[in-house]
Amino acid sequence: MAVELSLRGGSKLTLAHVVMPPVEGVSNKVLVEMRKVGTAALDLAEEKCQRFGLTATRVLRVVENHRTSIAYEILKIAIDGRYDCVILGSRGYAGERGILMGSVGISMAISLPCTTIIVR
């Protein structure tokens, strides 16, 4: 959806991926692996943008030691970037732990000071 809107309106794209390790005090090895997974996800999204002739900025955040939350990090990225619109999936990787629309999606719909599109 972001690619389609960017092509129509000429908007700039920022691809963001935020991950949170499953437990506090996780090893550096796990954090490195999570960064690799996040980078791979951003690579795939960036390749899609490039197929349509679009250039995107990339942001990867790993929430370390549960100091913040995924929702907080997305909010911070959007506010710091002064975005007009944020598009996110209705569910992340929480699986069965999530509800019909994930808690991150609900938090974003309530908190973001810009247009928020939640895609199913």
Protein backbone atom coordinates (compact mmCIF):
# COMPACT_ATOMS: atom_id res chain seq x y z
CA MET A 1 0.00 0.00 0.00
CA ALA A 2 2.85 2.39 0.82
CA VAL A 3 4.41 1.82 -2.61
CA GLU A 4 1.09 2.48 -4.33
CA LEU A 5 0.47 5.70 -2.39
CA SER A 6 4.02 6.87 -3.02
CA LEU A 7 3.68 6.27 -6.74
CA ARG A 8 0.41 8.21 -6.85
CA GLY A 9 1.45 11.13 -4.68
CA GLY A 10 5.21 11.26 -5.02
CA SER A 11 5.69 10.86 -1.29
CA LYS A 12 8.95 9.76 0.30
CA LEU A 13 9.12 6.35 1.93
CA THR A 14 10.75 5.27 5.15
CA LEU A 15 10.85 1.56 5.88
CA ALA A 16 10.97 0.85 9.59
CA HIS A 17 11.36 -2.44 11.39
CA VAL A 18 11.31 -2.68 15.17
CA VAL A 19 12.00 -5.92 17.01
CA MET A 20 11.87 -6.79 20.68
CA PRO A 21 13.79 -9.77 22.06
CA PRO A 22 11.57 -12.24 23.92
CA VAL A 23 13.22 -11.84 27.35
CA GLU A 24 15.28 -9.31 29.30
CA GLY A 25 19.02 -9.85 29.48
CA VAL A 26 19.16 -11.73 26.19
CA SER A 27 22.65 -12.54 24.88
CA ASN A 28 24.49 -10.38 22.38
CA LYS A 29 24.43 -13.33 19.99
CA VAL A 30 20.60 -13.26 19.98
CA LEU A 31 20.56 -9.48 19.48
CA VAL A 32 22.93 -9.81 16.52
CA GLU A 33 20.67 -12.47 15.00
CA MET A 34 17.60 -10.30 15.54
CA ARG A 35 19.32 -7.41 13.78
CA LYS A 36 20.08 -9.75 10.87
CA VAL A 37 16.43 -10.78 10.65
CA GLY A 38 15.32 -7.14 10.78
CA THR A 39 17.85 -6.20 8.11
CA ALA A 40 16.61 -9.03 5.89
CA ALA A 41 13.01 -7.80 6.28
CA LEU A 42 14.09 -4.29 5.32
CA ASP A 43 16.07 -5.67 2.36
CA LEU A 44 12.93 -7.36 1.01
CA ALA A 45 10.84 -4.21 1.41
CA GLU A 46 13.54 -2.07 -0.18
CA GLU A 47 13.81 -4.45 -3.15
CA LYS A 48 10.07 -4.07 -3.73
CA CYS A 49 10.40 -0.29 -3.66
CA GLN A 50 13.31 -0.42 -6.11
CA ARG A 51 11.29 -2.57 -8.56
CA PHE A 52 8.93 0.40 -8.82
CA GLY A 53 11.73 2.95 -9.12
CA LEU A 54 11.33 4.21 -5.56
CA THR A 55 14.06 4.96 -3.06
CA ALA A 56 13.35 4.47 0.62
CA THR A 57 15.11 5.39 3.82
CA ARG A 58 15.61 2.49 6.23
CA VAL A 59 15.28 2.44 10.03
CA LEU A 60 16.03 -0.62 12.15
CA ARG A 61 15.47 -0.56 15.90
CA VAL A 62 15.99 -3.35 18.39
CA VAL A 63 14.37 -2.69 21.76
CA GLU A 64 17.06 -3.72 24.21
CA ASN A 65 16.37 -4.84 27.76
CA HIS A 66 12.68 -3.99 27.36
CA ARG A 67 13.39 -0.30 28.11
CA THR A 68 10.67 0.84 25.72
CA SER A 69 8.15 -0.92 23.48
CA ILE A 70 7.68 -1.52 19.78
CA ALA A 71 4.81 0.99 19.79
CA TYR A 72 6.94 3.63 21.51
CA GLU A 73 9.76 3.16 19.00
CA ILE A 74 7.41 3.50 16.03
CA LEU A 75 5.87 6.60 17.59
CA LYS A 76 9.32 8.11 18.13
CA ILE A 77 10.37 7.34 14.54
CA ALA A 78 7.20 8.97 13.18
CA ILE A 79 7.42 12.06 15.37
CA ASP A 80 11.15 12.58 14.83
CA GLY A 81 10.65 12.16 11.07
CA ARG A 82 7.61 14.46 11.04
CA TYR A 83 5.69 12.01 8.88
CA ASP A 84 2.34 12.87 7.35
CA CYS A 85 1.20 9.27 7.26
CA VAL A 86 2.21 5.96 8.83
CA ILE A 87 1.18 2.66 7.29
CA LEU A 88 1.59 -0.49 9.33
CA GLY A 89 0.38 -4.04 9.38
CA SER A 90 -2.49 -4.99 11.65
CA ARG A 91 -0.39 -7.68 13.30
CA GLY A 92 3.28 -8.25 13.82
CA TYR A 93 4.91 -11.53 14.69
CA ALA A 94 3.05 -12.03 17.96
CA GLY A 95 1.03 -14.91 16.51
CA GLU A 96 -1.72 -16.18 18.79
CA ARG A 97 -0.63 -13.77 21.51
CA GLY A 98 -2.02 -10.88 19.48
CA ILE A 99 -5.67 -9.99 19.36
CA LEU A 100 -7.68 -9.33 16.20
CA MET A 101 -5.76 -6.13 15.68
CA GLY A 102 -2.45 -6.21 17.51
CA SER A 103 -1.73 -4.00 20.48
CA VAL A 104 0.90 -2.07 18.47
CA GLY A 105 -1.71 -1.24 15.84
CA ILE A 106 -4.17 -0.08 18.48
CA SER A 107 -1.49 2.03 20.19
CA MET A 108 -0.53 3.62 16.88
CA ALA A 109 -4.12 4.41 15.92
CA ILE A 110 -4.56 6.18 19.25
CA SER A 111 -1.15 7.87 19.60
CA LEU A 112 0.19 8.92 16.22
CA PRO A 113 -0.30 12.61 15.43
CA CYS A 114 -0.68 11.91 11.72
CA THR A 115 -2.82 9.85 9.38
CA THR A 116 -2.50 6.20 10.34
CA ILE A 117 -3.38 3.40 7.97
CA ILE A 118 -3.52 -0.12 9.37
CA VAL A 119 -3.38 -2.77 6.67
CA ARG A 120 -4.72 -6.28 7.07
